[in-house]
């Protein structure tokens, strides 16, 4: 059974941490490219809703394991006039058919899933041939000194931050899953401690 912190504290921590100014600016560079039949994996909180181009959205589906964050997502979709099918579930076993979506969006999601490789396999399965996974994720830093601190902090941070990992690969993980990766940006987020601040964003196309 989930603890009080997991049910109530973590969703609020995620909503607060993932909606800071610099992060919202990064979201604005990724999310508007979504088009067609869209799946947002880790849609909890509805933080991305303001960035979708409604003229490019044919259908919107959201998936997240947190009941508290799902309610926030449904409210945000309604507030932004997006007809949405938002449901509970996990990325390792998505309740969708093969080749169902044109675009899958993940923003600060792959850090906290149970099995990153399994989720990437599922993303590839539910994408149409030639479909696109748009990503904005934080993870393992390229600098040895920062990476060392990430490894030290991660065991404690995972317990506080809802299984959030600091050391996971991002673009390389998509490539290993068989995607053609177009990394558009990679940087340390301004005003963020470096062990928490390395982000990569771009598009990964299903072959």
C-alpha atoms as a PDB file:
ATOM      1  CA  UNK A   1       0.000   0.000   0.000  1.00  0.00           C
ATOM      2  CA  UNK A   2       1.315   3.459  -0.917  1.00  0.00           C
ATOM      3  CA  UNK A   3       2.353   5.688   1.975  1.00  0.00           C
ATOM      4  CA  UNK A   4       0.773   9.080   2.687  1.00  0.00           C
ATOM      5  CA  UNK A   5       3.847  10.754   1.175  1.00  0.00           C
ATOM      6  CA  UNK A   6       3.609   8.691  -2.024  1.00  0.00           C
ATOM      7  CA  UNK A   7      -0.115   9.389  -2.410  1.00  0.00           C
ATOM      8  CA  UNK A   8      -0.165  13.077  -1.490  1.00  0.00           C
ATOM      9  CA  UNK A   9       3.327  14.505  -1.024  1.00  0.00           C
ATOM     10  CA  UNK A  10       4.969  13.185  -4.195  1.00  0.00           C
ATOM     11  CA  UNK A  11       2.243  14.433  -6.604  1.00  0.00           C
ATOM     12  CA  UNK A  12       2.504  17.936  -5.155  1.00  0.00           C
ATOM     13  CA  UNK A  13       6.303  17.845  -5.190  1.00  0.00           C
ATOM     14  CA  UNK A  14       6.240  16.785  -8.852  1.00  0.00           C
ATOM     15  CA  UNK A  15       3.714  19.467  -9.823  1.00  0.00           C
ATOM     16  CA  UNK A  16       5.768  22.170  -8.102  1.00  0.00           C
ATOM     17  CA  UNK A  17       9.234  21.058  -9.232  1.00  0.00           C
ATOM     18  CA  UNK A  18       8.197  20.386 -12.825  1.00  0.00           C
ATOM     19  CA  UNK A  19       6.453  23.712 -13.391  1.00  0.00           C
ATOM     20  CA  UNK A  20       9.310  26.081 -12.603  1.00  0.00           C
ATOM     21  CA  UNK A  21       9.998  28.860 -15.091  1.00  0.00           C
ATOM     22  CA  UNK A  22      13.012  27.389 -16.878  1.00  0.00           C
ATOM     23  CA  UNK A  23      11.330  24.003 -17.138  1.00  0.00           C
ATOM     24  CA  UNK A  24       8.189  25.557 -18.591  1.00  0.00           C
ATOM     25  CA  UNK A  25      10.351  27.337 -21.166  1.00  0.00           C
ATOM     26  CA  UNK A  26      11.881  23.985 -22.134  1.00  0.00           C
ATOM     27  CA  UNK A  27       8.421  22.408 -22.414  1.00  0.00           C
ATOM     28  CA  UNK A  28       7.415  25.167 -24.817  1.00  0.00           C
ATOM     29  CA  UNK A  29      10.166  24.032 -27.207  1.00  0.00           C
ATOM     30  CA  UNK A  30       8.969  20.413 -27.315  1.00  0.00           C
ATOM     31  CA  UNK A  31       5.238  19.977 -26.749  1.00  0.00           C
ATOM     32  CA  UNK A  32       3.901  22.198 -29.591  1.00  0.00           C
ATOM     33  CA  UNK A  33       5.438  19.799 -32.139  1.00  0.00           C
ATOM     34  CA  UNK A  34       2.982  17.060 -31.147  1.00  0.00           C
ATOM     35  CA  UNK A  35       0.477  16.296 -33.889  1.00  0.00           C
ATOM     36  CA  UNK A  36      -2.211  13.818 -34.901  1.00  0.00           C
ATOM     37  CA  UNK A  37      -3.302  11.144 -32.449  1.00  0.00           C
ATOM     38  CA  UNK A  38      -1.269  12.017 -29.363  1.00  0.00           C
ATOM     39  CA  UNK A  39      -0.403  10.034 -26.251  1.00  0.00           C
ATOM     40  CA  UNK A  40       1.189  11.830 -23.317  1.00  0.00           C
ATOM     41  CA  UNK A  41       2.845   9.294 -21.055  1.00  0.00           C
ATOM     42  CA  UNK A  42       3.166  10.650 -17.533  1.00  0.00           C
ATOM     43  CA  UNK A  43       0.512  13.294 -18.145  1.00  0.00           C
ATOM     44  CA  UNK A  44      -0.025  13.807 -14.415  1.00  0.00           C
ATOM     45  CA  UNK A  45      -0.634  17.363 -13.331  1.00  0.00           C
ATOM     46  CA  UNK A  46      -1.615  18.546 -16.809  1.00  0.00           C
ATOM     47  CA  UNK A  47       1.421  20.826 -16.920  1.00  0.00           C
ATOM     48  CA  UNK A  48       1.866  20.456 -20.694  1.00  0.00           C
ATOM     49  CA  UNK A  49      -1.722  21.266 -21.646  1.00  0.00           C
ATOM     50  CA  UNK A  50      -1.081  24.945 -22.314  1.00  0.00           C
ATOM     51  CA  UNK A  51       1.579  24.109 -24.900  1.00  0.00           C
ATOM     52  CA  UNK A  52      -0.372  21.824 -27.240  1.00  0.00           C
ATOM     53  CA  UNK A  53      -1.353  23.348 -30.586  1.00  0.00           C
ATOM     54  CA  UNK A  54      -5.028  22.443 -30.684  1.00  0.00           C
ATOM     55  CA  UNK A  55      -5.074  22.870 -34.469  1.00  0.00           C
ATOM     56  CA  UNK A  56      -2.621  19.958 -34.717  1.00  0.00           C
ATOM     57  CA  UNK A  57      -4.320  17.662 -32.192  1.00  0.00           C
ATOM     58  CA  UNK A  58      -6.673  15.077 -33.728  1.00  0.00           C
ATOM     59  CA  UNK A  59      -7.066  13.150 -30.465  1.00  0.00           C
ATOM     60  CA  UNK A  60      -5.416  13.322 -27.056  1.00  0.00           C
ATOM     61  CA  UNK A  61      -4.842  10.426 -24.664  1.00  0.00           C
ATOM     62  CA  UNK A  62      -3.062  10.655 -21.322  1.00  0.00           C
ATOM     63  CA  UNK A  63      -1.664   7.921 -19.074  1.00  0.00           C
ATOM     64  CA  UNK A  64      -0.371   8.249 -15.515  1.00  0.00           C
ATOM     65  CA  UNK A  65      -0.318   5.986 -12.430  1.00  0.00           C
ATOM     66  CA  UNK A  66      -1.181   8.703  -9.890  1.00  0.00           C
ATOM     67  CA  UNK A  67      -4.905   9.260  -9.152  1.00  0.00           C
ATOM     68  CA  UNK A  68      -4.154  12.677  -7.664  1.00  0.00           C
ATOM     69  CA  UNK A  69      -2.193  13.837 -10.724  1.00  0.00           C
ATOM     70  CA  UNK A  70      -4.789  12.383 -13.093  1.00  0.00           C
ATOM     71  CA  UNK A  71      -7.457  14.615 -11.564  1.00  0.00           C
ATOM     72  CA  UNK A  72      -5.203  17.625 -12.140  1.00  0.00           C
ATOM     73  CA  UNK A  73      -4.707  16.530 -15.757  1.00  0.00           C
ATOM     74  CA  UNK A  74      -8.425  16.207 -16.426  1.00  0.00           C
ATOM     75  CA  UNK A  75      -9.038  19.661 -14.976  1.00  0.00           C
ATOM     76  CA  UNK A  76      -6.235  21.164 -17.080  1.00  0.00           C
ATOM     77  CA  UNK A  77      -7.531  19.522 -20.267  1.00  0.00           C
ATOM     78  CA  UNK A  78     -10.991  20.940 -19.637  1.00  0.00           C
ATOM     79  CA  UNK A  79      -9.580  24.392 -18.868  1.00  0.00           C
ATOM     80  CA  UNK A  80      -7.667  24.434 -22.166  1.00  0.00           C
ATOM     81  CA  UNK A  81     -10.521  23.071 -24.248  1.00  0.00           C
ATOM     82  CA  UNK A  82      -8.851  19.761 -25.103  1.00  0.00           C
ATOM     83  CA  UNK A  83     -11.094  16.712 -25.401  1.00  0.00           C
ATOM     84  CA  UNK A  84      -9.038  14.088 -23.622  1.00  0.00           C
ATOM     85  CA  UNK A  85      -9.096  10.406 -22.715  1.00  0.00           C
ATOM     86  CA  UNK A  86      -7.035  10.448 -19.524  1.00  0.00           C
ATOM     87  CA  UNK A  87      -6.676   7.195 -17.634  1.00  0.00           C
ATOM     88  CA  UNK A  88      -4.617   5.427 -15.002  1.00  0.00           C
ATOM     89  CA  UNK A  89      -1.876   3.017 -15.993  1.00  0.00           C
ATOM     90  CA  UNK A  90       1.849   2.420 -16.304  1.00  0.00           C
ATOM     91  CA  UNK A  91       4.183   2.753 -19.248  1.00  0.00           C
ATOM     92  CA  UNK A  92       5.493  -0.792 -18.949  1.00  0.00           C
ATOM     93  CA  UNK A  93       2.090  -2.218 -19.953  1.00  0.00           C
ATOM     94  CA  UNK A  94       0.074   0.368 -21.858  1.00  0.00           C
ATOM     95  CA  UNK A  95      -3.610  -0.436 -22.468  1.00  0.00           C
ATOM     96  CA  UNK A  96      -3.428   0.546 -26.151  1.00  0.00           C
ATOM     97  CA  UNK A  97      -3.218  -1.265 -29.451  1.00  0.00           C
ATOM     98  CA  UNK A  98      -0.191  -1.496 -31.700  1.00  0.00           C
ATOM     99  CA  UNK A  99       0.418   1.504 -33.940  1.00  0.00           C
ATOM    100  CA  UNK A 100      -2.302   3.635 -32.369  1.00  0.00           C
ATOM    101  CA  UNK A 101      -0.548   7.012 -32.055  1.00  0.00           C
ATOM    102  CA  UNK A 102       1.268   9.482 -34.299  1.00  0.00           C
ATOM    103  CA  UNK A 103       3.078  11.137 -31.396  1.00  0.00           C
ATOM    104  CA  UNK A 104       4.053  10.057 -27.888  1.00  0.00           C
ATOM    105  CA  UNK A 105       5.128  12.826 -25.515  1.00  0.00           C
ATOM    106  CA  UNK A 106       7.220  12.252 -22.394  1.00  0.00           C
ATOM    107  CA  UNK A 107       8.423  15.124 -20.226  1.00  0.00           C
ATOM    108  CA  UNK A 108      10.309  14.309 -17.019  1.00  0.00           C
ATOM    109  CA  UNK A 109       8.759  10.849 -17.069  1.00  0.00           C
ATOM    110  CA  UNK A 110      11.405   8.225 -17.883  1.00  0.00           C
ATOM    111  CA  UNK A 111      13.377   9.113 -14.759  1.00  0.00           C
ATOM    112  CA  UNK A 112      10.713   7.596 -12.515  1.00  0.00           C
ATOM    113  CA  UNK A 113       9.301   4.598 -14.381  1.00  0.00           C
ATOM    114  CA  UNK A 114      10.061   1.154 -12.955  1.00  0.00           C
ATOM    115  CA  UNK A 115      11.673  -0.263 -16.119  1.00  0.00           C
ATOM    116  CA  UNK A 116      12.941   2.312 -18.596  1.00  0.00           C
ATOM    117  CA  UNK A 117      13.742  -0.176 -21.374  1.00  0.00           C
ATOM    118  CA  UNK A 118      10.297  -1.768 -21.116  1.00  0.00           C
ATOM    119  CA  UNK A 119       8.600   1.623 -21.366  1.00  0.00           C
ATOM    120  CA  UNK A 120      10.610   2.573 -24.447  1.00  0.00           C
ATOM    121  CA  UNK A 121       9.654  -0.740 -26.039  1.00  0.00           C
ATOM    122  CA  UNK A 122       5.996   0.016 -25.336  1.00  0.00           C
ATOM    123  CA  UNK A 123       6.321   3.534 -26.769  1.00  0.00           C
ATOM    124  CA  UNK A 124       7.696   2.056 -29.956  1.00  0.00           C
ATOM    125  CA  UNK A 125       4.883  -0.512 -30.054  1.00  0.00           C
ATOM    126  CA  UNK A 126       2.040   1.990 -29.741  1.00  0.00           C
ATOM    127  CA  UNK A 127       3.512   4.423 -32.277  1.00  0.00           C
ATOM    128  CA  UNK A 128       2.454   4.212 -35.888  1.00  0.00           C
ATOM    129  CA  UNK A 129       5.259   3.346 -38.345  1.00  0.00           C
ATOM    130  CA  UNK A 130       7.286   6.504 -38.735  1.00  0.00           C
ATOM    131  CA  UNK A 131       5.662   8.010 -35.635  1.00  0.00           C
ATOM    132  CA  UNK A 132       7.514  10.334 -33.300  1.00  0.00           C
ATOM    133  CA  UNK A 133       8.377  10.256 -29.609  1.00  0.00           C
ATOM    134  CA  UNK A 134       8.946  13.795 -28.345  1.00  0.00           C
ATOM    135  CA  UNK A 135      11.014  13.885 -25.165  1.00  0.00           C
ATOM    136  CA  UNK A 136      12.224  16.315 -22.533  1.00  0.00           C
ATOM    137  CA  UNK A 137      13.964  14.407 -19.767  1.00  0.00           C
ATOM    138  CA  UNK A 138      16.580  14.840 -17.087  1.00  0.00           C
ATOM    139  CA  UNK A 139      19.173  12.173 -16.426  1.00  0.00           C
ATOM    140  CA  UNK A 140      22.784  11.136 -16.338  1.00  0.00           C
ATOM    141  CA  UNK A 141      25.166  14.069 -16.777  1.00  0.00           C
ATOM    142  CA  UNK A 142      28.141  13.872 -19.171  1.00  0.00           C
ATOM    143  CA  UNK A 143      30.631  15.357 -16.697  1.00  0.00           C
ATOM    144  CA  UNK A 144      32.370  12.876 -14.424  1.00  0.00           C
ATOM    145  CA  UNK A 145      32.252  15.079 -11.333  1.00  0.00           C
ATOM    146  CA  UNK A 146      28.530  15.732 -11.664  1.00  0.00           C
ATOM    147  CA  UNK A 147      27.819  12.083 -12.454  1.00  0.00           C
ATOM    148  CA  UNK A 148      29.663  11.066  -9.287  1.00  0.00           C
ATOM    149  CA  UNK A 149      27.378  13.262  -7.187  1.00  0.00           C
ATOM    150  CA  UNK A 150      24.326  11.933  -9.018  1.00  0.00           C
ATOM    151  CA  UNK A 151      25.287   8.391  -8.026  1.00  0.00           C
ATOM    152  CA  UNK A 152      25.729   9.477  -4.408  1.00  0.00           C
ATOM    153  CA  UNK A 153      22.432  11.358  -4.168  1.00  0.00           C
ATOM    154  CA  UNK A 154      20.234   9.007  -6.181  1.00  0.00           C
ATOM    155  CA  UNK A 155      19.480   6.330  -3.509  1.00  0.00           C
ATOM    156  CA  UNK A 156      18.036   8.948  -1.156  1.00  0.00           C
ATOM    157  CA  UNK A 157      16.424  11.040  -3.880  1.00  0.00           C
ATOM    158  CA  UNK A 158      14.515   8.041  -5.286  1.00  0.00           C
ATOM    159  CA  UNK A 159      12.778   7.603  -1.934  1.00  0.00           C
ATOM    160  CA  UNK A 160      11.858  11.284  -1.704  1.00  0.00           C
ATOM    161  CA  UNK A 161      10.995  11.912  -5.351  1.00  0.00           C
ATOM    162  CA  UNK A 162       8.718   9.062  -6.312  1.00  0.00           C
ATOM    163  CA  UNK A 163      11.404   6.742  -7.761  1.00  0.00           C
ATOM    164  CA  UNK A 164      13.042   9.615  -9.668  1.00  0.00           C
ATOM    165  CA  UNK A 165      16.470   8.508 -10.927  1.00  0.00           C
ATOM    166  CA  UNK A 166      19.296  10.967 -11.599  1.00  0.00           C
ATOM    167  CA  UNK A 167      21.634   8.693 -13.550  1.00  0.00           C
ATOM    168  CA  UNK A 168      19.518   7.228 -16.360  1.00  0.00           C
ATOM    169  CA  UNK A 169      20.563   7.794 -19.982  1.00  0.00           C
ATOM    170  CA  UNK A 170      18.196   9.766 -22.189  1.00  0.00           C
ATOM    171  CA  UNK A 171      19.001  10.042 -25.918  1.00  0.00           C
ATOM    172  CA  UNK A 172      21.190   6.936 -25.737  1.00  0.00           C
ATOM    173  CA  UNK A 173      18.303   4.976 -24.206  1.00  0.00           C
ATOM    174  CA  UNK A 174      16.024   5.878 -27.123  1.00  0.00           C
ATOM    175  CA  UNK A 175      18.742   4.881 -29.585  1.00  0.00           C
ATOM    176  CA  UNK A 176      19.245   1.556 -27.799  1.00  0.00           C
ATOM    177  CA  UNK A 177      15.485   0.931 -28.117  1.00  0.00           C
ATOM    178  CA  UNK A 178      15.711   1.232 -31.899  1.00  0.00           C
ATOM    179  CA  UNK A 179      14.695   4.855 -32.431  1.00  0.00           C
ATOM    180  CA  UNK A 180      16.368   7.322 -34.782  1.00  0.00           C
ATOM    181  CA  UNK A 181      17.137  10.154 -32.367  1.00  0.00           C
ATOM    182  CA  UNK A 182      17.198  13.824 -33.268  1.00  0.00           C
ATOM    183  CA  UNK A 183      18.494  15.464 -30.109  1.00  0.00           C
ATOM    184  CA  UNK A 184      17.690  19.154 -30.325  1.00  0.00           C
ATOM    185  CA  UNK A 185      19.092  20.316 -27.011  1.00  0.00           C
ATOM    186  CA  UNK A 186      21.259  19.176 -24.107  1.00  0.00           C
ATOM    187  CA  UNK A 187      22.167  21.442 -21.208  1.00  0.00           C
ATOM    188  CA  UNK A 188      22.276  22.061 -17.495  1.00  0.00           C
ATOM    189  CA  UNK A 189      19.116  23.898 -16.501  1.00  0.00           C
ATOM    190  CA  UNK A 190      19.842  27.428 -15.240  1.00  0.00           C
ATOM    191  CA  UNK A 191      19.544  28.062 -11.499  1.00  0.00           C
ATOM    192  CA  UNK A 192      19.427  24.310 -10.815  1.00  0.00           C
ATOM    193  CA  UNK A 193      22.033  22.268  -8.895  1.00  0.00           C
ATOM    194  CA  UNK A 194      23.927  20.347 -11.560  1.00  0.00           C
ATOM    195  CA  UNK A 195      23.215  16.835 -10.233  1.00  0.00           C
ATOM    196  CA  UNK A 196      19.507  17.578 -10.778  1.00  0.00           C
ATOM    197  CA  UNK A 197      19.826  19.799 -13.810  1.00  0.00           C
ATOM    198  CA  UNK A 198      21.081  17.873 -16.852  1.00  0.00           C
ATOM    199  CA  UNK A 199      18.321  17.718 -19.489  1.00  0.00           C
ATOM    200  CA  UNK A 200      18.054  16.538 -23.079  1.00  0.00           C
ATOM    201  CA  UNK A 201      15.178  17.149 -25.473  1.00  0.00           C
ATOM    202  CA  UNK A 202      14.287  16.302 -29.034  1.00  0.00           C
ATOM    203  CA  UNK A 203      12.492  13.772 -31.208  1.00  0.00           C
ATOM    204  CA  UNK A 204      12.947  10.033 -31.623  1.00  0.00           C
ATOM    205  CA  UNK A 205      11.392   8.437 -34.689  1.00  0.00           C
ATOM    206  CA  UNK A 206      10.162   4.871 -34.792  1.00  0.00           C
ATOM    207  CA  UNK A 207      11.700   2.878 -37.617  1.00  0.00           C
END
